[in-house]
Amino acid sequence: HTLVDSSDTAIMLLYDGKFVECNPATLRMFGCDSKEEFLALNPALVSPEFQSNGMDSASLARQHIDLAMEKGSDRFDWIHKRINGEEFFAEVHLTRLLIQGQIMMQGVVIDINDRILAENKLNQYKHIVSSSLDMMALLDTNYTYLAANPEYLRTINKESHEVIGHSVLDVFGEAFFRDISQPQAELCLQGEVVHFQQWIDFPTHG
C-alpha cells in the first residue's frame, strides 16, 4: 500500500469489471476529489465512446481485459477521459493478480498526452517540409546536415546520402561556407533571424 500510494503513476484494481481500489495518482489523473468519487465510476465513464482506430471503447476494452486474463498481462495505448470530459492519450498496462483467493485486474495508466501531441506536431511538420516546393534543411551547431527535404536535394542535385551527415563544407566547399554561409549562420546561433540573398551555381541535372 505504501509503494502504491506514494507512486506518481496511476494504479487501480478492478474486480468483475468495476474499480475497487486506486491510489492518489489516479485521483489526480482523472480529476476526482476523493477515492469514493472515482470508485463510483466504471471503465466506460473514463473513456470516450470510440478509440482512435474507430472501435467502440467498451468492446475494445473487453478484448484487452480478456487478453490480460488469458496471458497474464497486456499493454496498449488508449484514449482516456477525465471527469470534466477532457480526453488524453495514455499507455495502459493490465496485469492479472490473485488477491485473497480472488482474481483481480491491476491497471497502470501512464499519461503520454504531451508526447503524443508532440509526435503529431512533428509528423505534421515533416509532412509540410517534405511536400514543400521551398528548399529546407536542418543543420546542427557544427553545420552538419541532419535533414534536407526533397526540393533541397533536387535543387543541389544531390542524393540524401551525399548530404545527411555531411557538413556544409563537404557539400558546397570551404570558400562558399567561409565567405557566405558562416557569417549568416553565426548570427543565427546568437538567436537572430537572418534574411539574405545569394547566388549559387549548382550542377545541372542529368
N, C-alpha and C. Protein backbone atom coordinates (compact mmCIF):
# COMPACT_ATOMS: atom_id res chain seq x y z
N HIS A 1 0.83 -1.20 0.00
CA HIS A 1 0.00 0.00 0.00
C HIS A 1 0.86 1.26 0.00
N THR A 2 1.96 1.24 0.76
CA THR A 2 2.83 2.42 0.82
C THR A 2 3.44 2.71 -0.54
N LEU A 3 3.92 1.66 -1.21
CA LEU A 3 4.52 1.83 -2.53
C LEU A 3 3.50 2.35 -3.54
N VAL A 4 2.32 1.77 -3.53
CA VAL A 4 1.29 2.17 -4.49
C VAL A 4 0.83 3.60 -4.21
N ASP A 5 0.59 3.93 -2.95
CA ASP A 5 0.07 5.26 -2.62
C ASP A 5 1.09 6.36 -2.88
N SER A 6 2.37 6.04 -2.78
CA SER A 6 3.40 7.06 -2.99
C SER A 6 3.81 7.18 -4.46
N SER A 7 3.28 6.31 -5.32
CA SER A 7 3.66 6.33 -6.73
C SER A 7 3.04 7.51 -7.46
N ASP A 8 3.79 8.08 -8.40
CA ASP A 8 3.27 9.14 -9.25
C ASP A 8 2.49 8.59 -10.44
N THR A 9 2.46 7.28 -10.57
CA THR A 9 1.75 6.62 -11.66
C THR A 9 0.38 6.15 -11.17
N ALA A 10 -0.64 6.36 -11.98
CA ALA A 10 -1.99 5.94 -11.61
C ALA A 10 -2.08 4.41 -11.58
N ILE A 11 -2.50 3.86 -10.43
CA ILE A 11 -2.62 2.42 -10.26
C ILE A 11 -4.00 2.14 -9.67
N MET A 12 -4.71 1.18 -10.27
CA MET A 12 -6.06 0.87 -9.80
C MET A 12 -6.30 -0.63 -9.87
N LEU A 13 -7.27 -1.12 -9.11
CA LEU A 13 -7.67 -2.51 -9.14
C LEU A 13 -9.10 -2.63 -9.65
N LEU A 14 -9.34 -3.63 -10.50
CA LEU A 14 -10.68 -3.91 -11.00
C LEU A 14 -11.08 -5.32 -10.61
N TYR A 15 -12.34 -5.46 -10.24
CA TYR A 15 -12.90 -6.78 -9.95
C TYR A 15 -14.29 -6.83 -10.54
N ASP A 16 -14.51 -7.87 -11.36
CA ASP A 16 -15.81 -8.04 -12.00
C ASP A 16 -16.22 -6.80 -12.79
N GLY A 17 -15.21 -6.17 -13.46
CA GLY A 17 -15.50 -5.03 -14.33
C GLY A 17 -15.70 -3.72 -13.61
N LYS A 18 -15.41 -3.67 -12.29
CA LYS A 18 -15.61 -2.44 -11.53
C LYS A 18 -14.33 -2.06 -10.79
N PHE A 19 -14.13 -0.76 -10.60
CA PHE A 19 -13.00 -0.29 -9.81
C PHE A 19 -13.25 -0.57 -8.33
N VAL A 20 -12.27 -1.15 -7.67
CA VAL A 20 -12.43 -1.44 -6.24
C VAL A 20 -11.33 -0.78 -5.40
N GLU A 21 -10.31 -0.28 -6.03
CA GLU A 21 -9.23 0.39 -5.29
C GLU A 21 -8.44 1.26 -6.26
N CYS A 22 -7.84 2.33 -5.73
CA CYS A 22 -6.99 3.20 -6.57
C CYS A 22 -6.06 3.99 -5.66
N ASN A 23 -5.00 4.53 -6.22
CA ASN A 23 -4.07 5.34 -5.44
C ASN A 23 -4.32 6.83 -5.69
N PRO A 24 -3.69 7.72 -4.93
CA PRO A 24 -3.90 9.16 -5.09
C PRO A 24 -3.56 9.67 -6.50
N ALA A 25 -2.55 9.06 -7.16
CA ALA A 25 -2.19 9.50 -8.51
C ALA A 25 -3.35 9.29 -9.48
N THR A 26 -4.15 8.26 -9.24
CA THR A 26 -5.33 8.01 -10.08
C THR A 26 -6.33 9.15 -9.95
N LEU A 27 -6.53 9.61 -8.73
CA LEU A 27 -7.47 10.71 -8.50
C LEU A 27 -7.01 11.97 -9.21
N ARG A 28 -5.70 12.24 -9.14
CA ARG A 28 -5.16 13.44 -9.81
C ARG A 28 -5.31 13.32 -11.32
N MET A 29 -5.03 12.13 -11.86
CA MET A 29 -5.09 11.95 -13.30
C MET A 29 -6.49 12.16 -13.85
N PHE A 30 -7.49 11.63 -13.15
CA PHE A 30 -8.86 11.69 -13.68
C PHE A 30 -9.67 12.85 -13.10
N GLY A 31 -9.04 13.65 -12.23
CA GLY A 31 -9.69 14.85 -11.73
C GLY A 31 -10.73 14.61 -10.67
N CYS A 32 -10.55 13.56 -9.88
CA CYS A 32 -11.52 13.24 -8.83
C CYS A 32 -11.06 13.84 -7.49
N ASP A 33 -12.01 14.25 -6.69
CA ASP A 33 -11.70 14.84 -5.39
C ASP A 33 -11.51 13.80 -4.30
N SER A 34 -12.06 12.61 -4.50
CA SER A 34 -11.95 11.59 -3.46
C SER A 34 -11.93 10.21 -4.10
N LYS A 35 -11.47 9.23 -3.32
CA LYS A 35 -11.45 7.85 -3.79
C LYS A 35 -12.87 7.37 -4.06
N GLU A 36 -13.80 7.77 -3.21
CA GLU A 36 -15.19 7.35 -3.37
C GLU A 36 -15.76 7.83 -4.71
N GLU A 37 -15.37 9.04 -5.11
CA GLU A 37 -15.85 9.57 -6.38
C GLU A 37 -15.34 8.74 -7.55
N PHE A 38 -14.06 8.33 -7.49
CA PHE A 38 -13.52 7.53 -8.60
C PHE A 38 -14.11 6.13 -8.60
N LEU A 39 -14.21 5.50 -7.43
CA LEU A 39 -14.71 4.12 -7.38
C LEU A 39 -16.17 4.03 -7.78
N ALA A 40 -16.88 5.14 -7.75
CA ALA A 40 -18.28 5.14 -8.19
C ALA A 40 -18.38 5.13 -9.71
N LEU A 41 -17.25 5.40 -10.39
CA LEU A 41 -17.22 5.36 -11.85
C LEU A 41 -17.03 3.93 -12.32
N ASN A 42 -17.12 3.73 -13.61
CA ASN A 42 -16.75 2.44 -14.20
C ASN A 42 -15.87 2.73 -15.41
N PRO A 43 -15.15 1.72 -15.93
CA PRO A 43 -14.22 1.96 -17.03
C PRO A 43 -14.83 2.69 -18.22
N ALA A 44 -16.10 2.48 -18.49
CA ALA A 44 -16.73 3.14 -19.64
C ALA A 44 -16.82 4.65 -19.45
N LEU A 45 -16.94 5.09 -18.19
CA LEU A 45 -17.09 6.51 -17.90
C LEU A 45 -15.77 7.27 -17.94
N VAL A 46 -14.65 6.55 -17.95
CA VAL A 46 -13.34 7.22 -18.04
C VAL A 46 -12.72 7.00 -19.42
N SER A 47 -13.55 6.70 -20.41
CA SER A 47 -13.12 6.55 -21.80
C SER A 47 -14.15 7.20 -22.71
N PRO A 48 -13.72 7.76 -23.84
CA PRO A 48 -14.70 8.26 -24.81
C PRO A 48 -15.43 7.09 -25.45
N GLU A 49 -16.45 7.37 -26.21
CA GLU A 49 -17.24 6.29 -26.81
C GLU A 49 -16.42 5.47 -27.79
N PHE A 50 -15.54 6.15 -28.54
CA PHE A 50 -14.73 5.46 -29.55
C PHE A 50 -13.25 5.76 -29.33
N GLN A 51 -12.42 4.78 -29.74
CA GLN A 51 -10.98 4.96 -29.71
C GLN A 51 -10.49 5.46 -31.07
N SER A 52 -9.20 5.75 -31.16
CA SER A 52 -8.64 6.36 -32.37
C SER A 52 -8.72 5.45 -33.59
N ASN A 53 -8.85 4.13 -33.38
CA ASN A 53 -8.96 3.21 -34.51
C ASN A 53 -10.40 3.03 -34.98
N GLY A 54 -11.34 3.76 -34.36
CA GLY A 54 -12.74 3.70 -34.77
C GLY A 54 -13.58 2.69 -34.02
N MET A 55 -12.92 1.82 -33.23
CA MET A 55 -13.68 0.82 -32.46
C MET A 55 -14.28 1.46 -31.22
N ASP A 56 -15.44 0.95 -30.81
CA ASP A 56 -16.04 1.48 -29.60
C ASP A 56 -15.24 1.02 -28.39
N SER A 57 -15.08 1.93 -27.43
CA SER A 57 -14.20 1.67 -26.29
C SER A 57 -14.61 0.46 -25.48
N ALA A 58 -15.92 0.25 -25.30
CA ALA A 58 -16.38 -0.87 -24.47
C ALA A 58 -15.94 -2.21 -25.05
N SER A 59 -16.12 -2.40 -26.35
CA SER A 59 -15.73 -3.67 -26.99
C SER A 59 -14.23 -3.87 -26.98
N LEU A 60 -13.49 -2.79 -27.27
CA LEU A 60 -12.04 -2.91 -27.33
C LEU A 60 -11.46 -3.15 -25.94
N ALA A 61 -12.03 -2.50 -24.92
CA ALA A 61 -11.55 -2.71 -23.56
C ALA A 61 -11.76 -4.16 -23.13
N ARG A 62 -12.90 -4.73 -23.52
CA ARG A 62 -13.18 -6.11 -23.19
C ARG A 62 -12.15 -7.04 -23.82
N GLN A 63 -11.74 -6.74 -25.05
CA GLN A 63 -10.73 -7.55 -25.73
C GLN A 63 -9.41 -7.53 -24.96
N HIS A 64 -9.00 -6.32 -24.53
CA HIS A 64 -7.74 -6.20 -23.79
C HIS A 64 -7.82 -6.89 -22.43
N ILE A 65 -8.93 -6.76 -21.76
CA ILE A 65 -9.10 -7.42 -20.46
C ILE A 65 -9.07 -8.94 -20.62
N ASP A 66 -9.77 -9.45 -21.63
CA ASP A 66 -9.78 -10.89 -21.87
C ASP A 66 -8.37 -11.40 -22.19
N LEU A 67 -7.62 -10.60 -22.97
CA LEU A 67 -6.26 -11.00 -23.32
C LEU A 67 -5.37 -11.02 -22.07
N ALA A 68 -5.52 -10.02 -21.20
CA ALA A 68 -4.73 -9.97 -19.97
C ALA A 68 -5.10 -11.12 -19.04
N MET A 69 -6.38 -11.48 -19.00
CA MET A 69 -6.81 -12.60 -18.17
C MET A 69 -6.23 -13.90 -18.70
N GLU A 70 -6.14 -14.03 -20.01
CA GLU A 70 -5.64 -15.26 -20.62
C GLU A 70 -4.13 -15.38 -20.51
N LYS A 71 -3.41 -14.28 -20.82
CA LYS A 71 -1.96 -14.34 -20.88
C LYS A 71 -1.27 -13.81 -19.63
N GLY A 72 -2.03 -13.18 -18.77
CA GLY A 72 -1.44 -12.65 -17.54
C GLY A 72 -1.20 -11.15 -17.56
N SER A 73 -1.03 -10.58 -18.76
CA SER A 73 -0.81 -9.14 -18.85
C SER A 73 -1.07 -8.67 -20.27
N ASP A 74 -1.25 -7.37 -20.42
CA ASP A 74 -1.42 -6.75 -21.74
C ASP A 74 -1.02 -5.30 -21.63
N ARG A 75 -0.43 -4.76 -22.68
CA ARG A 75 -0.02 -3.37 -22.72
C ARG A 75 -0.56 -2.75 -24.00
N PHE A 76 -1.14 -1.54 -23.94
CA PHE A 76 -1.71 -0.92 -25.13
C PHE A 76 -1.86 0.59 -24.91
N ASP A 77 -1.98 1.32 -26.01
CA ASP A 77 -2.25 2.75 -25.96
C ASP A 77 -3.76 2.96 -25.95
N TRP A 78 -4.18 4.01 -25.26
CA TRP A 78 -5.62 4.20 -25.04
C TRP A 78 -5.94 5.68 -24.92
N ILE A 79 -7.15 6.05 -25.32
CA ILE A 79 -7.63 7.41 -25.06
C ILE A 79 -8.53 7.34 -23.83
N HIS A 80 -8.14 8.04 -22.78
CA HIS A 80 -8.94 8.10 -21.55
C HIS A 80 -9.68 9.43 -21.49
N LYS A 81 -10.53 9.57 -20.50
CA LYS A 81 -11.31 10.79 -20.33
C LYS A 81 -11.39 11.14 -18.85
N ARG A 82 -11.06 12.38 -18.52
CA ARG A 82 -11.19 12.85 -17.15
C ARG A 82 -12.67 13.15 -16.87
N ILE A 83 -13.01 13.34 -15.61
CA ILE A 83 -14.42 13.53 -15.27
C ILE A 83 -14.95 14.86 -15.80
N ASN A 84 -14.05 15.79 -16.16
CA ASN A 84 -14.52 17.05 -16.75
C ASN A 84 -14.72 16.94 -18.26
N GLY A 85 -14.51 15.72 -18.81
CA GLY A 85 -14.71 15.49 -20.23
C GLY A 85 -13.47 15.62 -21.08
N GLU A 86 -12.36 16.09 -20.49
CA GLU A 86 -11.12 16.25 -21.24
C GLU A 86 -10.53 14.88 -21.58
N GLU A 87 -10.21 14.67 -22.85
CA GLU A 87 -9.61 13.41 -23.28
C GLU A 87 -8.09 13.52 -23.30
N PHE A 88 -7.42 12.40 -23.06
CA PHE A 88 -5.96 12.40 -23.09
C PHE A 88 -5.45 11.02 -23.50
N PHE A 89 -4.28 11.01 -24.11
CA PHE A 89 -3.65 9.76 -24.54
C PHE A 89 -2.93 9.13 -23.35
N ALA A 90 -3.05 7.81 -23.25
CA ALA A 90 -2.43 7.09 -22.14
C ALA A 90 -1.85 5.76 -22.61
N GLU A 91 -0.88 5.30 -21.83
CA GLU A 91 -0.33 3.95 -22.01
C GLU A 91 -0.85 3.12 -20.85
N VAL A 92 -1.49 2.00 -21.16
CA VAL A 92 -2.15 1.19 -20.14
C VAL A 92 -1.47 -0.17 -20.04
N HIS A 93 -1.24 -0.60 -18.81
CA HIS A 93 -0.71 -1.93 -18.53
C HIS A 93 -1.71 -2.66 -17.64
N LEU A 94 -2.20 -3.79 -18.11
CA LEU A 94 -3.12 -4.62 -17.32
C LEU A 94 -2.38 -5.88 -16.87
N THR A 95 -2.55 -6.23 -15.59
CA THR A 95 -1.89 -7.42 -15.05
C THR A 95 -2.89 -8.21 -14.21
N ARG A 96 -2.98 -9.50 -14.46
CA ARG A 96 -3.86 -10.37 -13.68
C ARG A 96 -3.22 -10.68 -12.34
N LEU A 97 -3.98 -10.49 -11.26
CA LEU A 97 -3.47 -10.73 -9.92
C LEU A 97 -4.41 -11.66 -9.15
N LEU A 98 -3.84 -12.41 -8.25
CA LEU A 98 -4.63 -13.24 -7.34
C LEU A 98 -4.49 -12.64 -5.94
N ILE A 99 -5.56 -12.06 -5.43
CA ILE A 99 -5.54 -11.39 -4.13
C ILE A 99 -6.59 -12.02 -3.23
N GLN A 100 -6.12 -12.63 -2.14
CA GLN A 100 -7.02 -13.28 -1.17
C GLN A 100 -8.00 -14.23 -1.86
N GLY A 101 -7.46 -15.00 -2.81
CA GLY A 101 -8.25 -16.00 -3.49
C GLY A 101 -9.13 -15.47 -4.60
N GLN A 102 -9.09 -14.16 -4.83
CA GLN A 102 -9.91 -13.56 -5.89
C GLN A 102 -9.02 -13.10 -7.03
N ILE A 103 -9.44 -13.41 -8.28
CA ILE A 103 -8.69 -12.94 -9.44
C ILE A 103 -9.11 -11.51 -9.74
N MET A 104 -8.14 -10.60 -9.69
CA MET A 104 -8.39 -9.20 -9.97
C MET A 104 -7.49 -8.71 -11.10
N MET A 105 -7.79 -7.53 -11.59
CA MET A 105 -7.00 -6.94 -12.66
C MET A 105 -6.40 -5.63 -12.16
N GLN A 106 -5.08 -5.55 -12.21
CA GLN A 106 -4.42 -4.30 -11.88
C GLN A 106 -4.24 -3.47 -13.14
N GLY A 107 -4.63 -2.22 -13.07
CA GLY A 107 -4.43 -1.32 -14.19
C GLY A 107 -3.43 -0.25 -13.83
N VAL A 108 -2.43 -0.06 -14.67
CA VAL A 108 -1.45 1.01 -14.51
C VAL A 108 -1.61 1.93 -15.71
N VAL A 109 -1.90 3.21 -15.45
CA VAL A 109 -2.16 4.16 -16.53
C VAL A 109 -1.11 5.26 -16.49
N ILE A 110 -0.43 5.46 -17.62
CA ILE A 110 0.61 6.48 -17.74
C ILE A 110 0.14 7.54 -18.73
N ASP A 111 0.11 8.77 -18.31
CA ASP A 111 -0.32 9.88 -19.18
C ASP A 111 0.79 10.18 -20.17
N ILE A 112 0.53 9.95 -21.47
CA ILE A 112 1.51 10.23 -22.52
C ILE A 112 0.98 11.29 -23.48
N ASN A 113 0.06 12.10 -22.99
CA ASN A 113 -0.61 13.07 -23.85
C ASN A 113 0.38 14.05 -24.48
N ASP A 114 1.29 14.60 -23.67
CA ASP A 114 2.25 15.57 -24.20
C ASP A 114 3.13 14.95 -25.27
N ARG A 115 3.55 13.69 -25.04
CA ARG A 115 4.41 13.02 -26.01
C ARG A 115 3.69 12.79 -27.32
N ILE A 116 2.45 12.32 -27.26
CA ILE A 116 1.68 12.04 -28.47
C ILE A 116 1.41 13.33 -29.25
N LEU A 117 1.04 14.39 -28.55
CA LEU A 117 0.78 15.66 -29.22
C LEU A 117 2.04 16.20 -29.88
N ALA A 118 3.19 16.04 -29.20
CA ALA A 118 4.46 16.48 -29.78
C ALA A 118 4.80 15.66 -31.02
N GLU A 119 4.56 14.34 -30.96
CA GLU A 119 4.82 13.48 -32.11
C GLU A 119 3.91 13.84 -33.28
N ASN A 120 2.65 14.16 -32.98
CA ASN A 120 1.72 14.54 -34.04
C ASN A 120 2.16 15.84 -34.71
N LYS A 121 2.59 16.80 -33.90
CA LYS A 121 3.07 18.07 -34.45
C LYS A 121 4.32 17.85 -35.29
N LEU A 122 5.21 16.96 -34.81
CA LEU A 122 6.43 16.67 -35.56
C LEU A 122 6.09 16.01 -36.89
N ASN A 123 5.14 15.08 -36.89
CA ASN A 123 4.74 14.43 -38.14
C ASN A 123 4.12 15.42 -39.11
N GLN A 124 3.32 16.36 -38.58
CA GLN A 124 2.74 17.39 -39.43
C GLN A 124 3.83 18.26 -40.03
N TYR A 125 4.81 18.60 -39.20
CA TYR A 125 5.93 19.42 -39.68
C TYR A 125 6.71 18.68 -40.77
N LYS A 126 6.96 17.39 -40.54
CA LYS A 126 7.69 16.60 -41.53
C LYS A 126 6.93 16.55 -42.85
N HIS A 127 5.61 16.42 -42.77
CA HIS A 127 4.81 16.37 -44.00
C HIS A 127 4.88 17.70 -44.74
N ILE A 128 4.77 18.80 -44.00
CA ILE A 128 4.85 20.12 -44.63
C ILE A 128 6.20 20.33 -45.29
N VAL A 129 7.25 19.95 -44.58
CA VAL A 129 8.61 20.15 -45.11
C VAL A 129 8.86 19.27 -46.32
N SER A 130 8.45 18.00 -46.24
CA SER A 130 8.73 17.06 -47.33
C SER A 130 7.97 17.41 -48.60
N SER A 131 6.80 18.03 -48.47
CA SER A 131 5.99 18.35 -49.64
C SER A 131 6.17 19.79 -50.12
N SER A 132 7.00 20.56 -49.40
CA SER A 132 7.19 21.96 -49.76
C SER A 132 7.99 22.10 -51.05
N LEU A 133 7.68 23.14 -51.81
CA LEU A 133 8.43 23.48 -53.02
C LEU A 133 9.58 24.42 -52.71
N ASP A 134 9.75 24.75 -51.42
CA ASP A 134 10.89 25.56 -50.98
C ASP A 134 11.99 24.64 -50.49
N MET A 135 13.24 25.09 -50.65
CA MET A 135 14.37 24.32 -50.15
C MET A 135 14.43 24.46 -48.63
N MET A 136 14.45 23.33 -47.92
CA MET A 136 14.52 23.36 -46.46
C MET A 136 15.54 22.33 -45.99
N ALA A 137 16.35 22.74 -45.01
CA ALA A 137 17.35 21.83 -44.44
C ALA A 137 17.52 22.14 -42.97
N LEU A 138 17.93 21.13 -42.20
CA LEU A 138 18.18 21.27 -40.77
C LEU A 138 19.62 20.89 -40.50
N LEU A 139 20.36 21.78 -39.81
CA LEU A 139 21.77 21.55 -39.50
C LEU A 139 21.99 21.69 -38.01
N ASP A 140 23.02 21.01 -37.49
CA ASP A 140 23.36 21.19 -36.09
C ASP A 140 24.34 22.34 -35.94
N THR A 141 24.81 22.57 -34.72
CA THR A 141 25.69 23.71 -34.48
C THR A 141 27.08 23.54 -35.07
N ASN A 142 27.39 22.35 -35.55
CA ASN A 142 28.66 22.12 -36.25
C ASN A 142 28.48 22.20 -37.77
N TYR A 143 27.28 22.68 -38.19
CA TYR A 143 26.95 22.87 -39.60
C TYR A 143 26.92 21.54 -40.35
N THR A 144 26.50 20.50 -39.64
CA THR A 144 26.32 19.19 -40.26
C THR A 144 24.84 18.99 -40.56
N TYR A 145 24.53 18.50 -41.75
CA TYR A 145 23.14 18.30 -42.14
C TYR A 145 22.49 17.17 -41.34
N LEU A 146 21.35 17.50 -40.73
CA LEU A 146 20.55 16.49 -40.04
C LEU A 146 19.37 16.05 -40.90
N ALA A 147 18.90 16.94 -41.75
CA ALA A 147 17.76 16.64 -42.64
C ALA A 147 17.76 17.62 -43.80
N ALA A 148 17.18 17.20 -44.89
CA ALA A 148 17.01 18.06 -46.06
C ALA A 148 15.81 17.54 -46.83
N ASN A 149 14.92 18.44 -47.23
CA ASN A 149 13.70 17.98 -47.92
C ASN A 149 13.99 17.67 -49.39
N PRO A 150 13.08 16.96 -50.07
CA PRO A 150 13.31 16.57 -51.47
C PRO A 150 13.64 17.73 -52.40
N GLU A 151 13.01 18.90 -52.19
CA GLU A 151 13.28 20.04 -53.07
C GLU A 151 14.70 20.55 -52.88
N TYR A 152 15.19 20.49 -51.66
CA TYR A 152 16.57 20.91 -51.39
C TYR A 152 17.55 20.00 -52.14
N LEU A 153 17.33 18.69 -52.01
CA LEU A 153 18.21 17.72 -52.67
C LEU A 153 18.11 17.83 -54.19
N ARG A 154 16.89 18.02 -54.69
CA ARG A 154 16.70 18.13 -56.14
C ARG A 154 17.43 19.35 -56.69
N THR A 155 17.34 20.46 -55.98
CA THR A 155 17.92 21.71 -56.47
C THR A 155 19.44 21.66 -56.50
N ILE A 156 20.05 21.06 -55.48
CA ILE A 156 21.52 20.99 -55.46
C ILE A 156 22.03 19.73 -56.16
N ASN A 157 21.09 18.96 -56.72
CA ASN A 157 21.46 17.77 -57.50
C ASN A 157 22.29 16.78 -56.68
N LYS A 158 21.79 16.49 -55.45
CA LYS A 158 22.47 15.54 -54.57
C LYS A 158 21.49 14.49 -54.08
N GLU A 159 22.02 13.31 -53.76
CA GLU A 159 21.24 12.28 -53.11
C GLU A 159 21.29 12.50 -51.60
N SER A 160 20.33 11.92 -50.90
CA SER A 160 20.26 12.11 -49.45
C SER A 160 21.55 11.68 -48.76
N HIS A 161 22.12 10.53 -49.17
CA HIS A 161 23.33 10.04 -48.51
C HIS A 161 24.54 10.93 -48.76
N GLU A 162 24.47 11.80 -49.78
CA GLU A 162 25.56 12.72 -50.06
C GLU A 162 25.48 13.99 -49.22
N VAL A 163 24.36 14.17 -48.52
CA VAL A 163 24.14 15.40 -47.76
C VAL A 163 23.99 15.11 -46.26
N ILE A 164 23.06 14.22 -45.89
CA ILE A 164 22.79 13.95 -44.48
C ILE A 164 24.03 13.36 -43.82
N GLY A 165 24.44 13.97 -42.71
CA GLY A 165 25.63 13.51 -42.01
C GLY A 165 26.90 14.19 -42.48
N HIS A 166 26.80 15.00 -43.53
CA HIS A 166 27.95 15.74 -44.05
C HIS A 166 27.82 17.21 -43.67
N SER A 167 28.93 17.91 -43.64
CA SER A 167 28.91 19.33 -43.29
C SER A 167 28.69 20.17 -44.55
N VAL A 168 28.38 21.44 -44.31
CA VAL A 168 28.22 22.38 -45.42
C VAL A 168 29.51 22.46 -46.24
N LEU A 169 30.64 22.35 -45.56
CA LEU A 169 31.93 22.39 -46.28
C LEU A 169 32.03 21.25 -47.28
N ASP A 170 31.56 20.05 -46.88
CA ASP A 170 31.61 18.90 -47.78
C ASP A 170 30.72 19.11 -48.99
N VAL A 171 29.58 19.74 -48.77
CA VAL A 171 28.58 19.85 -49.83
C VAL A 171 28.86 21.02 -50.76
N PHE A 172 29.24 22.16 -50.19
CA PHE A 172 29.40 23.37 -51.01
C PHE A 172 30.84 23.86 -51.14
N GLY A 173 31.74 23.32 -50.33
CA GLY A 173 33.13 23.77 -50.41
C GLY A 173 33.45 24.81 -49.34
N GLU A 174 34.71 24.85 -48.95
CA GLU A 174 35.13 25.71 -47.85
C GLU A 174 34.99 27.19 -48.18
N ALA A 175 35.31 27.59 -49.41
CA ALA A 175 35.26 29.01 -49.78
C ALA A 175 33.83 29.55 -49.67
N PHE A 176 32.87 28.79 -50.20
CA PHE A 176 31.47 29.21 -50.14
C PHE A 176 31.01 29.34 -48.69
N PHE A 177 31.36 28.35 -47.88
CA PHE A 177 30.93 28.36 -46.49
C PHE A 177 31.55 29.53 -45.73
N ARG A 178 32.84 29.74 -45.91
CA ARG A 178 33.55 30.78 -45.17
C ARG A 178 33.06 32.18 -45.55
N ASP A 179 32.84 32.41 -46.83
CA ASP A 179 32.53 33.76 -47.30
C ASP A 179 31.04 34.10 -47.23
N ILE A 180 30.17 33.10 -47.34
CA ILE A 180 28.74 33.40 -47.46
C ILE A 180 27.93 32.81 -46.30
N SER A 181 28.02 31.50 -46.12
CA SER A 181 27.13 30.83 -45.16
C SER A 181 27.53 31.06 -43.71
N GLN A 182 28.82 30.98 -43.40
CA GLN A 182 29.24 31.03 -42.00
C GLN A 182 28.87 32.33 -41.30
N PRO A 183 29.07 33.50 -41.90
CA PRO A 183 28.69 34.74 -41.20
C PRO A 183 27.20 34.78 -40.86
N GLN A 184 26.35 34.28 -41.76
CA GLN A 184 24.92 34.27 -41.50
C GLN A 184 24.57 33.23 -40.43
N ALA A 185 25.22 32.07 -40.50
CA ALA A 185 24.96 31.00 -39.54
C ALA A 185 25.34 31.41 -38.13
N GLU A 186 26.44 32.14 -37.99
CA GLU A 186 26.87 32.57 -36.67
C GLU A 186 25.87 33.54 -36.04
N LEU A 187 25.25 34.36 -36.87
CA LEU A 187 24.20 35.25 -36.37
C LEU A 187 23.00 34.44 -35.88
N CYS A 188 22.66 33.38 -36.62
CA CYS A 188 21.56 32.51 -36.20
C CYS A 188 21.84 31.86 -34.86
N LEU A 189 23.09 31.42 -34.66
CA LEU A 189 23.45 30.76 -33.41
C LEU A 189 23.38 31.73 -32.23
N GLN A 190 23.40 33.03 -32.52
CA GLN A 190 23.27 34.04 -31.48
C GLN A 190 21.81 34.37 -31.19
N GLY A 191 20.90 33.69 -31.92
CA GLY A 191 19.48 33.88 -31.68
C GLY A 191 18.79 34.82 -32.63
N GLU A 192 19.49 35.29 -33.65
CA GLU A 192 18.90 36.21 -34.61
C GLU A 192 18.24 35.45 -35.76
N VAL A 193 17.19 36.05 -36.30
CA VAL A 193 16.57 35.53 -37.51
C VAL A 193 17.19 36.28 -38.69
N VAL A 194 17.79 35.55 -39.60
CA VAL A 194 18.58 36.17 -40.67
C VAL A 194 17.89 35.97 -42.01
N HIS A 195 17.79 37.05 -42.77
CA HIS A 195 17.28 37.00 -44.14
C HIS A 195 18.38 37.52 -45.06
N PHE A 196 18.72 36.76 -46.09
CA PHE A 196 19.71 37.24 -47.04
C PHE A 196 19.52 36.52 -48.37
N GLN A 197 20.08 37.09 -49.41
CA GLN A 197 20.01 36.52 -50.74
C GLN A 197 21.42 36.18 -51.21
N GLN A 198 21.52 35.13 -52.01
CA GLN A 198 22.82 34.77 -52.55
C GLN A 198 22.64 33.98 -53.85
N TRP A 199 23.63 34.07 -54.67
CA TRP A 199 23.63 33.35 -55.94
C TRP A 199 24.50 32.11 -55.79
N ILE A 200 23.95 30.96 -56.16
CA ILE A 200 24.70 29.71 -56.04
C ILE A 200 24.68 29.00 -57.40
N ASP A 201 25.82 28.58 -57.86
CA ASP A 201 25.91 27.81 -59.10
C ASP A 201 25.84 26.33 -58.76
N PHE A 202 24.68 25.71 -59.06
CA PHE A 202 24.51 24.30 -58.83
C PHE A 202 24.82 23.51 -60.09
N PRO A 203 25.23 22.25 -59.95
CA PRO A 203 25.45 21.41 -61.14
C PRO A 203 24.13 21.23 -61.88
N THR A 204 24.22 21.15 -63.20
CA THR A 204 23.00 20.93 -63.99
C THR A 204 22.55 19.50 -63.83
N HIS A 205 21.22 19.26 -63.98
CA HIS A 205 20.66 17.92 -63.84
C HIS A 205 20.92 17.11 -65.09
N GLY A 206 21.00 15.80 -64.87
CA GLY A 206 21.18 14.91 -65.99
C GLY A 206 22.62 14.78 -66.39
